[in-house]
N, C-alpha and C. Protein backbone atom coordinates (compact mmCIF):
# COMPACT_ATOMS: atom_id res chain seq x y z
N MET A 1 -46.01 16.30 108.07
CA MET A 1 -44.01 16.22 108.71
C MET A 1 -43.93 14.72 108.86
N ARG A 2 -43.48 13.81 107.76
CA ARG A 2 -43.37 12.85 108.33
C ARG A 2 -42.41 12.22 109.57
N ASN A 3 -42.66 11.54 110.32
CA ASN A 3 -41.99 11.70 111.77
C ASN A 3 -40.16 11.17 111.74
N ASN A 4 -40.16 10.71 110.48
CA ASN A 4 -38.56 10.56 110.20
C ASN A 4 -37.81 11.99 109.22
N ALA A 5 -38.51 12.62 108.93
CA ALA A 5 -37.79 13.64 107.95
C ALA A 5 -37.77 14.91 108.90
N ARG A 6 -36.13 15.29 108.17
CA ARG A 6 -35.77 16.60 108.88
C ARG A 6 -35.90 17.44 107.77
N GLU A 7 -35.84 18.87 108.08
CA GLU A 7 -35.87 19.80 107.70
C GLU A 7 -34.54 20.74 106.92
N VAL A 8 -34.60 20.51 106.03
CA VAL A 8 -33.08 21.47 105.51
C VAL A 8 -33.45 22.85 104.73
N SER A 9 -32.44 23.47 104.84
CA SER A 9 -32.46 24.68 104.28
C SER A 9 -31.85 25.49 103.21
N CYS A 10 -31.94 26.17 102.31
CA CYS A 10 -30.76 26.19 101.42
C CYS A 10 -31.47 27.95 100.48
N TYR A 11 -30.61 28.42 100.11
CA TYR A 11 -30.61 29.98 99.78
C TYR A 11 -30.33 29.85 98.17
N LEU A 12 -31.33 30.48 97.54
CA LEU A 12 -31.49 30.43 96.37
C LEU A 12 -32.08 31.87 95.57
N SER A 13 -31.51 32.33 94.58
CA SER A 13 -31.60 33.72 93.81
C SER A 13 -33.12 33.74 93.79
N LEU A 14 -33.46 34.47 93.32
CA LEU A 14 -35.00 34.76 92.99
C LEU A 14 -35.41 34.20 91.73
N ASP A 15 -34.41 34.29 90.68
CA ASP A 15 -34.70 33.69 89.42
C ASP A 15 -34.56 32.19 89.90
N GLU A 16 -33.68 31.24 90.45
CA GLU A 16 -33.51 30.10 91.10
C GLU A 16 -34.89 29.61 91.78
N ALA A 17 -35.55 30.31 92.71
CA ALA A 17 -36.55 29.94 93.27
C ALA A 17 -37.83 30.03 92.19
N ALA A 18 -37.78 30.99 91.58
CA ALA A 18 -39.11 30.98 90.65
C ALA A 18 -39.23 29.71 89.47
N HIS A 19 -37.83 29.48 89.14
CA HIS A 19 -37.63 28.37 88.55
C HIS A 19 -37.97 27.30 88.95
N PHE A 20 -37.44 26.74 90.58
CA PHE A 20 -37.93 25.45 90.81
C PHE A 20 -39.03 25.72 91.22
N ARG A 21 -40.02 26.54 91.67
CA ARG A 21 -41.26 26.36 91.55
C ARG A 21 -42.02 26.28 90.32
N GLU A 22 -41.69 26.56 89.57
CA GLU A 22 -42.60 26.86 87.63
C GLU A 22 -42.05 25.37 87.54
N ALA A 23 -40.81 24.56 87.97
CA ALA A 23 -40.95 22.99 87.66
C ALA A 23 -41.30 22.04 88.48
N ALA A 24 -41.75 22.68 89.78
CA ALA A 24 -42.47 21.86 90.66
C ALA A 24 -44.01 21.96 89.94
N ALA A 25 -44.40 22.66 89.46
CA ALA A 25 -45.86 23.13 89.08
C ALA A 25 -46.16 22.17 88.04
N ALA A 26 -44.83 21.95 87.27
CA ALA A 26 -44.90 21.68 86.13
C ALA A 26 -45.34 20.10 86.12
N ASN A 27 -44.46 19.55 87.21
CA ASN A 27 -44.64 18.37 87.84
C ASN A 27 -45.55 17.98 88.63
N LYS A 28 -46.61 18.69 88.70
CA LYS A 28 -47.80 18.75 90.22
C LYS A 28 -47.02 18.32 91.34
N VAL A 29 -46.52 18.82 91.84
CA VAL A 29 -45.74 18.16 93.09
C VAL A 29 -45.53 19.46 93.55
N SER A 30 -45.23 19.21 95.27
CA SER A 30 -44.77 20.49 95.93
C SER A 30 -43.38 20.86 95.59
N LEU A 31 -43.25 22.08 95.92
CA LEU A 31 -41.70 22.50 95.77
C LEU A 31 -40.33 21.58 96.46
N SER A 32 -41.12 21.09 97.93
CA SER A 32 -40.45 20.69 98.49
C SER A 32 -40.05 18.99 98.34
N ARG A 33 -40.94 18.50 97.66
CA ARG A 33 -41.21 17.51 96.93
C ARG A 33 -40.02 17.31 95.80
N TYR A 34 -39.93 18.35 95.21
CA TYR A 34 -39.93 18.22 93.75
C TYR A 34 -37.91 18.98 94.21
N LEU A 35 -37.54 19.58 94.94
CA LEU A 35 -36.34 19.72 95.04
C LEU A 35 -35.70 18.11 96.20
N ARG A 36 -36.70 17.69 96.68
CA ARG A 36 -35.99 16.24 97.31
C ARG A 36 -35.75 15.57 96.58
N GLN A 37 -36.59 15.59 95.46
CA GLN A 37 -36.60 14.35 94.08
C GLN A 37 -35.49 15.03 93.49
N CYS A 38 -34.70 16.20 93.13
CA CYS A 38 -33.71 16.36 92.41
C CYS A 38 -32.35 15.89 93.00
N LEU A 39 -32.41 16.25 94.47
CA LEU A 39 -31.66 15.68 95.28
C LEU A 39 -31.29 14.42 95.18
N LEU A 40 -32.26 13.49 95.22
CA LEU A 40 -31.77 12.11 95.50
C LEU A 40 -31.57 11.42 94.06
N ASP A 41 -32.20 11.77 92.87
CA ASP A 41 -31.64 12.00 91.34
C ASP A 41 -30.07 12.11 91.55
N TYR A 42 -30.00 13.55 91.78
CA TYR A 42 -28.43 13.76 91.67
C TYR A 42 -27.18 12.66 92.43
N GLU A 43 -27.77 12.08 93.70
CA GLU A 43 -26.86 11.49 93.89
C GLU A 43 -27.22 9.96 93.43
N ARG A 44 -28.55 9.70 92.55
CA ARG A 44 -27.81 8.36 92.17
C ARG A 44 -27.25 8.56 90.83
N LEU A 45 -27.46 9.84 89.96
CA LEU A 45 -26.60 9.71 89.17
C LEU A 45 -24.88 9.91 89.30
N ILE A 46 -24.64 10.71 90.63
CA ILE A 46 -23.38 10.12 90.75
C ILE A 46 -22.87 9.19 91.05
N ASP A 47 -23.87 8.21 92.04
CA ASP A 47 -23.52 6.53 92.36
C ASP A 47 -23.82 5.33 91.01
N ASN A 48 -23.91 6.22 89.82
CA ASN A 48 -24.36 5.43 88.61
C ASN A 48 -25.54 5.17 88.74
N GLY A 49 -26.45 5.33 89.32
CA GLY A 49 -27.58 4.84 89.74
C GLY A 49 -28.54 4.66 87.90
N SER A 50 -29.55 3.79 88.35
CA SER A 50 -30.21 3.52 86.64
C SER A 50 -31.71 4.86 86.69
N ARG A 51 -31.77 5.21 87.61
CA ARG A 51 -33.10 6.43 87.37
C ARG A 51 -32.48 7.53 86.50
N ALA A 52 -33.03 8.12 85.70
CA ALA A 52 -32.66 9.20 84.30
C ALA A 52 -32.69 10.26 85.79
N PRO A 53 -31.77 11.22 85.24
CA PRO A 53 -31.39 12.13 86.09
C PRO A 53 -32.54 13.50 86.20
N ASN A 54 -32.20 14.53 86.73
CA ASN A 54 -32.95 15.50 86.91
C ASN A 54 -32.51 16.99 86.50
N GLY A 55 -32.99 17.87 86.50
CA GLY A 55 -32.45 18.86 85.73
C GLY A 55 -31.41 19.25 86.34
N LEU A 56 -30.97 19.28 87.84
CA LEU A 56 -29.89 19.74 88.28
C LEU A 56 -28.70 19.23 88.06
N ALA A 57 -28.70 17.73 88.23
CA ALA A 57 -27.93 17.07 87.80
C ALA A 57 -27.09 17.27 86.47
N LEU A 58 -28.18 17.24 85.21
CA LEU A 58 -27.73 17.46 83.93
C LEU A 58 -27.10 18.94 83.79
N VAL A 59 -27.17 19.96 84.69
CA VAL A 59 -26.87 21.23 84.51
C VAL A 59 -25.14 21.21 85.03
N GLU A 60 -25.16 20.21 86.19
CA GLU A 60 -23.89 19.98 86.67
C GLU A 60 -23.18 19.20 85.44
N MET A 61 -23.78 18.06 84.78
CA MET A 61 -23.26 17.56 83.66
C MET A 61 -22.85 18.24 82.90
N GLU A 62 -23.50 19.51 82.15
CA GLU A 62 -23.17 20.00 81.18
C GLU A 62 -22.03 21.03 81.54
N GLN A 63 -22.02 21.22 83.01
CA GLN A 63 -20.93 22.23 83.08
C GLN A 63 -19.56 21.61 82.89
N ARG A 64 -19.60 19.98 83.65
CA ARG A 64 -18.09 19.45 83.48
C ARG A 64 -17.92 19.29 81.89
N LEU A 65 -19.33 19.07 81.24
CA LEU A 65 -18.65 18.83 79.62
C LEU A 65 -18.16 20.06 78.99
N ALA A 66 -18.92 21.66 79.59
CA ALA A 66 -18.39 22.66 78.79
C ALA A 66 -17.26 22.46 79.25
N ARG A 67 -16.43 22.08 80.28
CA ARG A 67 -15.28 22.51 80.72
C ARG A 67 -14.14 21.69 80.03
N SER A 68 -14.63 20.40 80.14
CA SER A 68 -13.97 19.41 78.94
C SER A 68 -13.94 19.77 77.37
N ILE A 69 -14.74 20.55 77.47
CA ILE A 69 -14.82 21.06 75.74
C ILE A 69 -13.49 22.16 75.69
N GLU A 70 -13.63 23.09 76.37
CA GLU A 70 -13.02 24.41 76.61
C GLU A 70 -11.61 23.75 76.56
N ALA A 71 -11.23 22.60 77.64
CA ALA A 71 -9.46 22.40 77.53
C ALA A 71 -9.26 21.46 76.44
N GLN A 72 -10.13 20.92 75.70
CA GLN A 72 -9.67 20.60 74.30
C GLN A 72 -9.74 21.43 73.25
N SER A 73 -10.17 22.46 73.43
CA SER A 73 -10.69 23.74 72.34
C SER A 73 -9.12 24.45 72.74
N ARG A 74 -8.86 24.49 73.69
CA ARG A 74 -7.55 24.94 74.04
C ARG A 74 -6.23 23.99 73.39
N ARG A 75 -6.06 22.96 73.75
CA ARG A 75 -5.15 22.06 73.13
C ARG A 75 -5.28 21.47 71.70
N VAL A 76 -6.57 21.78 71.07
CA VAL A 76 -6.62 22.01 69.56
C VAL A 76 -6.28 23.16 68.90
N ASN A 77 -6.13 24.43 69.59
CA ASN A 77 -5.70 25.72 68.93
C ASN A 77 -4.15 25.72 69.52
N SER A 78 -3.68 25.23 70.40
CA SER A 78 -2.23 25.21 70.92
C SER A 78 -1.43 24.04 69.63
N LEU A 79 -2.18 22.99 69.17
CA LEU A 79 -1.64 22.10 67.79
C LEU A 79 -1.83 23.05 66.51
N TYR A 80 -3.14 23.58 66.74
CA TYR A 80 -3.06 24.88 65.40
C TYR A 80 -2.16 25.36 65.48
N HIS A 81 -1.70 26.02 66.25
CA HIS A 81 -0.40 27.30 66.23
C HIS A 81 1.40 26.39 66.06
N GLU A 82 1.27 25.59 66.54
CA GLU A 82 2.36 24.58 66.55
C GLU A 82 2.48 24.25 65.02
N LEU A 83 1.49 23.56 64.39
CA LEU A 83 1.06 23.18 62.65
C LEU A 83 1.30 24.67 61.86
N HIS A 84 0.97 26.16 62.24
CA HIS A 84 1.63 26.80 61.25
C HIS A 84 2.58 27.25 61.75
N VAL A 85 3.21 27.26 62.89
CA VAL A 85 5.02 27.59 62.66
C VAL A 85 5.61 26.50 61.88
N LEU A 86 5.49 24.78 62.12
CA LEU A 86 6.16 24.02 61.08
C LEU A 86 5.68 24.40 59.79
N PHE A 87 4.74 24.93 59.37
CA PHE A 87 4.17 25.47 57.62
C PHE A 87 5.32 26.85 57.46
N ALA A 88 5.12 27.06 58.21
CA ALA A 88 6.44 28.72 58.10
C ALA A 88 7.80 28.32 58.20
N MET A 89 8.15 27.45 59.05
CA MET A 89 9.40 26.84 59.14
C MET A 89 9.75 25.87 57.77
N VAL A 90 8.70 25.32 57.15
CA VAL A 90 9.28 24.66 55.65
C VAL A 90 9.28 25.26 54.45
N ASP A 91 8.49 26.81 54.87
CA ASP A 91 7.98 27.16 53.72
C ASP A 91 9.48 28.40 53.73
N ARG A 92 10.01 28.67 54.90
CA ARG A 92 11.12 29.14 54.78
C ARG A 92 12.59 28.48 54.54
N LEU A 93 12.46 26.94 54.65
CA LEU A 93 13.25 26.13 54.14
C LEU A 93 13.68 25.94 52.66
N ALA A 94 12.17 26.11 52.25
CA ALA A 94 12.02 25.96 51.02
C ALA A 94 12.96 27.05 50.09
N PHE A 95 12.68 28.03 50.93
CA PHE A 95 13.16 29.53 49.93
C PHE A 95 14.40 29.51 50.37
N ILE A 96 14.76 29.11 51.21
CA ILE A 96 16.51 29.26 51.31
C ILE A 96 16.94 28.56 50.81
N SER A 97 16.70 27.08 50.34
CA SER A 97 17.35 26.19 49.74
C SER A 97 17.32 26.70 48.07
N LEU A 98 16.12 27.33 48.26
CA LEU A 98 16.04 27.43 46.71
C LEU A 98 17.20 28.54 46.16
N VAL A 99 17.14 29.91 47.16
CA VAL A 99 17.96 30.86 46.88
C VAL A 99 19.41 30.41 47.21
N HIS A 100 20.13 29.47 47.96
CA HIS A 100 21.59 29.37 48.08
C HIS A 100 21.71 27.97 47.02
N LEU A 101 20.94 27.29 46.73
CA LEU A 101 21.35 26.13 45.87
C LEU A 101 21.58 26.43 44.21
N PRO A 102 22.42 26.14 43.76
CA PRO A 102 22.61 26.90 42.42
C PRO A 102 22.03 25.71 41.22
N GLU A 103 21.76 26.45 40.02
CA GLU A 103 20.98 26.09 39.13
C GLU A 103 22.01 24.98 38.51
N ILE A 104 21.13 23.83 37.81
CA ILE A 104 21.91 22.82 37.53
C ILE A 104 22.35 22.90 35.78
N PRO A 105 23.34 22.43 35.46
CA PRO A 105 23.52 22.55 34.33
C PRO A 105 22.60 21.73 33.11
N ALA A 106 22.25 21.83 32.34
CA ALA A 106 21.20 20.99 31.68
C ALA A 106 21.80 19.47 31.36
N GLU A 107 23.41 19.58 31.52
CA GLU A 107 23.81 18.10 31.01
C GLU A 107 23.67 17.27 32.22
N LEU A 108 23.56 17.96 33.16
CA LEU A 108 23.44 17.58 34.90
C LEU A 108 22.32 16.90 35.02
N ARG A 109 21.29 17.52 34.60
CA ARG A 109 19.78 17.66 35.16
C ARG A 109 19.26 16.44 35.37
N GLU A 110 19.12 15.18 34.48
CA GLU A 110 18.57 14.34 34.65
C GLU A 110 19.40 13.32 35.43
N SER A 111 20.45 13.26 35.70
CA SER A 111 21.42 12.69 36.89
C SER A 111 20.59 13.29 38.28
N ALA A 112 20.78 14.47 38.31
CA ALA A 112 20.34 15.39 39.54
C ALA A 112 19.11 14.77 39.52
N LEU A 113 17.74 14.56 38.58
CA LEU A 113 16.67 14.37 39.17
C LEU A 113 16.79 13.03 39.48
N THR A 114 17.24 12.12 38.85
CA THR A 114 17.34 10.67 39.37
C THR A 114 17.86 10.70 40.70
N ALA A 115 18.77 11.26 41.33
CA ALA A 115 19.22 11.29 42.71
C ALA A 115 18.34 12.12 43.66
N GLY A 116 17.92 13.25 43.28
CA GLY A 116 16.52 14.10 43.99
C GLY A 116 15.61 13.21 44.02
N THR A 117 15.19 12.21 42.93
CA THR A 117 13.76 11.32 43.12
C THR A 117 14.39 10.23 44.34
N ARG A 118 15.58 9.81 44.03
CA ARG A 118 15.83 8.61 45.34
C ARG A 118 15.99 9.21 46.31
N LEU A 119 16.72 10.16 46.85
CA LEU A 119 16.33 10.73 48.36
C LEU A 119 15.41 11.36 48.47
N TYR A 120 14.63 11.72 48.06
CA TYR A 120 12.97 11.79 48.34
C TYR A 120 12.14 10.78 48.57
N SER A 121 12.46 9.77 48.09
CA SER A 121 11.89 8.23 48.25
C SER A 121 12.65 8.15 49.61
N ASN A 122 13.47 7.82 49.59
CA ASN A 122 14.33 7.23 50.84
C ASN A 122 13.86 8.40 52.18
N TRP A 123 13.49 9.59 51.66
CA TRP A 123 13.39 10.37 53.44
C TRP A 123 11.42 10.32 53.04
N ARG A 124 10.96 9.97 52.41
CA ARG A 124 9.56 9.56 52.61
C ARG A 124 9.35 8.62 53.35
N HIS A 125 10.45 7.08 52.73
CA HIS A 125 10.35 6.28 53.66
C HIS A 125 10.62 6.00 54.96
N ALA A 126 11.49 7.27 55.22
CA ALA A 126 11.93 7.09 56.68
C ALA A 126 10.76 7.95 57.75
N VAL A 127 10.04 8.95 56.84
CA VAL A 127 9.13 9.86 57.56
C VAL A 127 8.46 8.43 57.64
N MET A 128 7.95 7.84 56.95
CA MET A 128 6.96 6.31 57.02
C MET A 128 6.97 5.46 58.08
N GLU A 129 8.21 5.39 58.17
CA GLU A 129 8.59 4.30 59.33
C GLU A 129 8.42 4.60 60.69
N LEU A 130 8.87 6.53 60.93
CA LEU A 130 8.76 7.11 62.01
C LEU A 130 7.28 7.37 62.45
N THR A 131 6.52 7.49 61.75
CA THR A 131 4.83 7.97 61.45
C THR A 131 4.35 6.44 62.17
N GLU A 132 4.70 5.12 61.42
CA GLU A 132 3.87 4.21 61.78
C GLU A 132 4.00 3.53 63.01
N THR A 133 5.36 3.33 63.21
CA THR A 133 5.88 2.74 64.34
C THR A 133 5.22 3.61 65.72
N GLY A 134 5.33 5.22 65.78
CA GLY A 134 4.94 6.01 66.87
C GLY A 134 6.69 6.05 67.40
N THR A 135 7.33 5.83 66.80
CA THR A 135 8.32 6.42 67.46
C THR A 135 9.26 8.00 67.11
N GLU A 136 9.49 8.46 68.03
CA GLU A 136 9.53 9.97 68.15
C GLU A 136 11.24 10.24 67.97
N THR A 137 11.69 10.56 67.30
CA THR A 137 13.41 11.02 67.31
C THR A 137 13.41 12.31 67.17
N ASP A 138 14.68 12.75 68.03
CA ASP A 138 14.97 13.93 67.67
C ASP A 138 15.94 13.95 67.11
N SER A 139 16.03 14.98 66.13
CA SER A 139 16.82 14.87 64.71
C SER A 139 18.08 15.66 65.28
N MET A 140 17.97 16.33 65.95
CA MET A 140 18.96 17.10 66.80
C MET A 140 19.89 16.56 67.48
N THR A 141 19.75 15.16 68.05
CA THR A 141 20.22 14.97 69.45
C THR A 141 20.65 13.38 68.93
N ALA A 142 19.95 13.21 67.81
CA ALA A 142 20.05 11.72 67.32
C ALA A 142 21.59 11.20 66.92
N GLN A 143 22.13 9.74 67.47
CA GLN A 143 23.56 9.80 67.15
C GLN A 143 23.47 8.38 66.91
N PRO A 144 24.35 8.04 65.63
CA PRO A 144 24.39 6.64 65.36
C PRO A 144 24.96 5.55 66.27
N ASN A 145 24.89 4.27 66.19
CA ASN A 145 25.10 3.54 67.32
C ASN A 145 26.31 3.13 66.90
N ASP A 146 26.85 2.94 66.17
CA ASP A 146 27.84 2.69 65.33
C ASP A 146 29.11 3.32 64.49
N GLU A 147 30.12 3.09 64.58
CA GLU A 147 30.78 3.59 63.50
C GLU A 147 30.61 2.64 62.19
N GLY A 148 30.23 2.22 61.93
CA GLY A 148 29.99 1.35 60.64
C GLY A 148 28.80 2.11 59.99
N ALA A 149 28.06 2.71 60.74
CA ALA A 149 27.01 3.48 60.28
C ALA A 149 27.57 4.81 59.13
N ASP A 150 28.70 5.67 60.28
CA ASP A 150 29.50 6.66 59.41
C ASP A 150 29.93 6.27 58.45
N ARG A 151 30.80 5.33 58.61
CA ARG A 151 31.55 4.75 57.29
C ARG A 151 30.73 4.61 56.08
N ARG A 152 29.26 3.89 56.36
CA ARG A 152 28.48 3.12 55.10
C ARG A 152 28.15 4.99 54.46
N HIS A 153 27.79 5.78 55.46
CA HIS A 153 27.08 7.01 55.03
C HIS A 153 28.54 7.72 54.31
N ASP A 154 29.33 7.81 54.41
CA ASP A 154 30.44 8.26 53.96
C ASP A 154 30.96 7.86 52.07
N GLN A 155 30.65 6.14 52.20
CA GLN A 155 30.83 5.68 51.16
C GLN A 155 30.03 5.69 50.17
N GLN A 156 28.53 6.57 50.44
CA GLN A 156 27.63 6.18 49.53
C GLN A 156 27.33 7.22 48.61
N GLU A 157 28.71 8.31 49.04
CA GLU A 157 28.49 9.55 47.93
C GLU A 157 28.74 9.34 46.13
N ASN A 158 27.61 9.94 45.85
CA ASN A 158 28.16 9.42 44.05
C ASN A 158 28.82 10.63 43.63
N ASP A 159 28.90 10.94 42.29
CA ASP A 159 30.20 11.33 41.44
C ASP A 159 29.85 12.55 41.59
N ASP A 160 28.76 13.17 41.97
CA ASP A 160 28.39 14.78 42.14
C ASP A 160 28.52 15.07 43.26
N GLY A 161 28.99 14.14 44.38
CA GLY A 161 29.50 14.41 45.78
C GLY A 161 28.12 14.75 46.69
N ILE A 162 27.09 14.40 46.26
CA ILE A 162 25.83 13.92 47.11
C ILE A 162 25.37 13.10 47.88
N GLY A 163 25.66 12.75 49.24
CA GLY A 163 24.96 11.38 49.36
C GLY A 163 24.01 10.70 48.91
N SER A 164 23.97 9.72 48.10
CA SER A 164 23.00 8.84 47.75
C SER A 164 21.75 8.57 48.95
N ASP A 165 22.40 7.90 50.10
CA ASP A 165 21.33 7.55 51.00
C ASP A 165 21.42 7.87 51.93
N SER A 166 21.81 9.55 52.44
CA SER A 166 22.10 10.03 53.21
C SER A 166 21.07 10.32 54.15
N ILE A 167 19.63 9.84 53.75
CA ILE A 167 18.46 10.07 54.77
C ILE A 167 18.03 8.76 55.20
N ASP A 168 18.22 7.49 54.24
CA ASP A 168 17.88 6.32 54.08
C ASP A 168 19.27 5.74 55.43
N ALA A 169 20.36 6.45 55.83
CA ALA A 169 21.45 6.10 56.66
C ALA A 169 20.77 6.36 57.81
N VAL A 170 19.85 7.60 58.41
CA VAL A 170 19.28 7.96 59.28
C VAL A 170 18.31 6.97 59.60
N GLY A 171 17.41 6.28 58.87
CA GLY A 171 16.33 5.44 59.12
C GLY A 171 16.56 4.27 59.40
């Protein structure tokens, strides 16, 4: 024993002790020296040392990664669930819209298609602006800043009573 060395004890299960004995034998060092090197390597790893980590440090790192992956997996599953709810909501909205909207007479279909295409284009433009700028708005609580916006919206109705730029007024 070295003059400045101190003895330290720890308790291991039979499997852990056998594992460390095998690892020490594979490295052709004593069990004491192997465990000492594991501890020193672990300390260097924590201190961002340049030596390669040992198995002990790798096990802890793997456990941290596993916990991180599990947390991210829970987040992804939560987002998947929310997306599934949104798909169901859009599907229900489409169904309700189709059930409650009257069939368009043949003579008005062309103008309805033109108006619908314009509204759809305005809606897509507004969505693109929101997603490109990263701005999040709550459509249920969004209020117009000025009274002029309401007047402009009311004036933009066309002859069939549909607001031509109703989506554009929000954007």
